[in-house]
Amino acid sequence: MGKEYPFSESTLGDKLAAGTGLSVHCFGCERRAVLDVAELVKRFGPDQPCLHWDLLKIIYCHECRAAGRDDRNLQFTNHAVTPEQRKGWTPCP
């Protein structure tokens, strides 16, 4: 697999292919979660944009929604994966 420059992760499929991670923090209830990028790709498709404003359209805080609070007061964090963490990892076809 060759490296492409400039590097881009603008879709969930790009994130999955790169093997990078994604987490979310809710400012309303202070909950945090590591998101399963492969499951997001299965649910929303590989072409789903994954920039902050795009993710806000598809992800919300279940706890805040149930409590009647703003359920989209979220922060997303991208996680790089080091070569050591990638051992045994292969991108999806």
C-alpha atoms as a PDB file:
ATOM      1  CA  MET A   1       0.000   0.000   0.000  1.00  0.00           C
ATOM      2  CA  GLY A   2       1.638   3.232  -1.151  1.00  0.00           C
ATOM      3  CA  LYS A   3       1.439   6.492   0.712  1.00  0.00           C
ATOM      4  CA  GLU A   4      -0.530   9.262  -0.874  1.00  0.00           C
ATOM      5  CA  TYR A   5       0.272  12.907  -0.290  1.00  0.00           C
ATOM      6  CA  PRO A   6      -1.263  15.126   0.743  1.00  0.00           C
ATOM      7  CA  PHE A   7      -2.770  12.772   3.311  1.00  0.00           C
ATOM      8  CA  SER A   8      -6.532  13.144   3.656  1.00  0.00           C
ATOM      9  CA  GLU A   9      -9.193  11.639   5.900  1.00  0.00           C
ATOM     10  CA  SER A  10     -12.329  13.412   4.821  1.00  0.00           C
ATOM     11  CA  THR A  11     -14.604  10.354   4.847  1.00  0.00           C
ATOM     12  CA  LEU A  12     -15.217   7.440   7.175  1.00  0.00           C
ATOM     13  CA  GLY A  13     -13.821   5.140   4.465  1.00  0.00           C
ATOM     14  CA  ASP A  14     -10.597   7.176   4.443  1.00  0.00           C
ATOM     15  CA  LYS A  15     -10.327   6.815   8.226  1.00  0.00           C
ATOM     16  CA  LEU A  16     -10.929   3.075   8.026  1.00  0.00           C
ATOM     17  CA  ALA A  17      -8.341   2.626   5.265  1.00  0.00           C
ATOM     18  CA  ALA A  18      -5.779   4.649   7.224  1.00  0.00           C
ATOM     19  CA  GLY A  19      -6.511   2.677  10.386  1.00  0.00           C
ATOM     20  CA  THR A  20      -6.978   5.784  12.498  1.00  0.00           C
ATOM     21  CA  GLY A  21      -9.398   6.190  15.384  1.00  0.00           C
ATOM     22  CA  LEU A  22     -12.100   8.603  16.449  1.00  0.00           C
ATOM     23  CA  SER A  23     -13.555   9.495  19.817  1.00  0.00           C
ATOM     24  CA  VAL A  24     -16.325  11.789  21.005  1.00  0.00           C
ATOM     25  CA  HIS A  25     -16.770  13.899  24.139  1.00  0.00           C
ATOM     26  CA  CYS A  26     -20.153  15.310  25.205  1.00  0.00           C
ATOM     27  CA  PHE A  27     -19.940  18.668  26.964  1.00  0.00           C
ATOM     28  CA  GLY A  28     -23.463  18.271  28.343  1.00  0.00           C
ATOM     29  CA  CYS A  29     -22.916  15.153  30.463  1.00  0.00           C
ATOM     30  CA  GLU A  30     -19.114  14.808  30.205  1.00  0.00           C
ATOM     31  CA  ARG A  31     -19.375  11.289  28.753  1.00  0.00           C
ATOM     32  CA  ARG A  32     -16.648  10.093  26.409  1.00  0.00           C
ATOM     33  CA  ALA A  33     -16.597   7.227  23.951  1.00  0.00           C
ATOM     34  CA  VAL A  34     -14.207   5.713  21.445  1.00  0.00           C
ATOM     35  CA  LEU A  35     -16.140   5.224  18.223  1.00  0.00           C
ATOM     36  CA  ASP A  36     -15.898   2.072  16.149  1.00  0.00           C
ATOM     37  CA  VAL A  37     -14.988   3.412  12.703  1.00  0.00           C
ATOM     38  CA  ALA A  38     -15.711   0.067  10.987  1.00  0.00           C
ATOM     39  CA  GLU A  39     -19.234   0.012  12.458  1.00  0.00           C
ATOM     40  CA  LEU A  40     -19.794   3.630  11.398  1.00  0.00           C
ATOM     41  CA  VAL A  41     -18.751   2.682   7.850  1.00  0.00           C
ATOM     42  CA  LYS A  42     -21.207  -0.248   7.879  1.00  0.00           C
ATOM     43  CA  ARG A  43     -24.021   1.977   9.110  1.00  0.00           C
ATOM     44  CA  PHE A  44     -23.418   5.201   7.152  1.00  0.00           C
ATOM     45  CA  GLY A  45     -21.216   4.061   4.253  1.00  0.00           C
ATOM     46  CA  PRO A  46     -17.578   4.706   3.373  1.00  0.00           C
ATOM     47  CA  ASP A  47     -18.371   7.984   1.604  1.00  0.00           C
ATOM     48  CA  GLN A  48     -19.882   9.584   4.732  1.00  0.00           C
ATOM     49  CA  PRO A  49     -17.882  12.772   5.408  1.00  0.00           C
ATOM     50  CA  CYS A  50     -16.175  12.711   8.817  1.00  0.00           C
ATOM     51  CA  LEU A  51     -15.374  16.329   9.533  1.00  0.00           C
ATOM     52  CA  HIS A  52     -16.835  17.847  12.712  1.00  0.00           C
ATOM     53  CA  TRP A  53     -19.964  19.383  11.172  1.00  0.00           C
ATOM     54  CA  ASP A  54     -20.635  16.224   9.160  1.00  0.00           C
ATOM     55  CA  LEU A  55     -20.422  13.987  12.234  1.00  0.00           C
ATOM     56  CA  LEU A  56     -22.777  16.252  14.193  1.00  0.00           C
ATOM     57  CA  LYS A  57     -25.480  15.414  11.668  1.00  0.00           C
ATOM     58  CA  ILE A  58     -25.291  11.671  12.379  1.00  0.00           C
ATOM     59  CA  ILE A  59     -24.026  11.320  15.968  1.00  0.00           C
ATOM     60  CA  TYR A  60     -25.693  12.549  19.145  1.00  0.00           C
ATOM     61  CA  CYS A  61     -25.525  11.891  22.896  1.00  0.00           C
ATOM     62  CA  HIS A  62     -28.243   9.405  23.889  1.00  0.00           C
ATOM     63  CA  GLU A  63     -28.068  10.386  27.572  1.00  0.00           C
ATOM     64  CA  CYS A  64     -28.509  14.103  26.902  1.00  0.00           C
ATOM     65  CA  ARG A  65     -31.314  13.466  24.405  1.00  0.00           C
ATOM     66  CA  ALA A  66     -33.185  11.382  26.989  1.00  0.00           C
ATOM     67  CA  ALA A  67     -32.722  14.153  29.582  1.00  0.00           C
ATOM     68  CA  GLY A  68     -33.958  16.868  27.188  1.00  0.00           C
ATOM     69  CA  ARG A  69     -30.552  18.586  26.944  1.00  0.00           C
ATOM     70  CA  ASP A  70     -28.675  19.672  23.835  1.00  0.00           C
ATOM     71  CA  ASP A  71     -27.603  16.304  22.427  1.00  0.00           C
ATOM     72  CA  ARG A  72     -25.174  17.647  19.822  1.00  0.00           C
ATOM     73  CA  ASN A  73     -22.784  19.611  22.062  1.00  0.00           C
ATOM     74  CA  LEU A  74     -19.980  17.273  21.040  1.00  0.00           C
ATOM     75  CA  GLN A  75     -16.264  17.373  20.371  1.00  0.00           C
ATOM     76  CA  PHE A  76     -14.651  14.802  18.077  1.00  0.00           C
ATOM     77  CA  THR A  77     -10.993  13.811  18.338  1.00  0.00           C
ATOM     78  CA  ASN A  78      -8.999  12.004  15.680  1.00  0.00           C
ATOM     79  CA  HIS A  79      -6.485   9.445  16.887  1.00  0.00           C
ATOM     80  CA  ALA A  80      -3.365   8.556  14.962  1.00  0.00           C
ATOM     81  CA  VAL A  81      -2.302   4.949  15.019  1.00  0.00           C
ATOM     82  CA  THR A  82       1.408   4.263  15.427  1.00  0.00           C
ATOM     83  CA  PRO A  83       3.151   1.507  13.455  1.00  0.00           C
ATOM     84  CA  GLU A  84       3.359  -0.572  16.660  1.00  0.00           C
ATOM     85  CA  GLN A  85      -0.414  -0.376  17.078  1.00  0.00           C
ATOM     86  CA  ARG A  86      -0.995  -1.442  13.465  1.00  0.00           C
ATOM     87  CA  LYS A  87       0.640  -4.880  13.772  1.00  0.00           C
ATOM     88  CA  GLY A  88      -1.789  -7.411  12.387  1.00  0.00           C
ATOM     89  CA  TRP A  89      -4.089  -4.662  11.094  1.00  0.00           C
ATOM     90  CA  THR A  90      -5.198  -4.781   7.477  1.00  0.00           C
ATOM     91  CA  PRO A  91      -7.564  -2.353   5.752  1.00  0.00           C
ATOM     92  CA  CYS A  92     -11.000  -3.541   4.720  1.00  0.00           C
ATOM     93  CA  PRO A  93     -11.337  -4.372   0.996  1.00  0.00           C
END
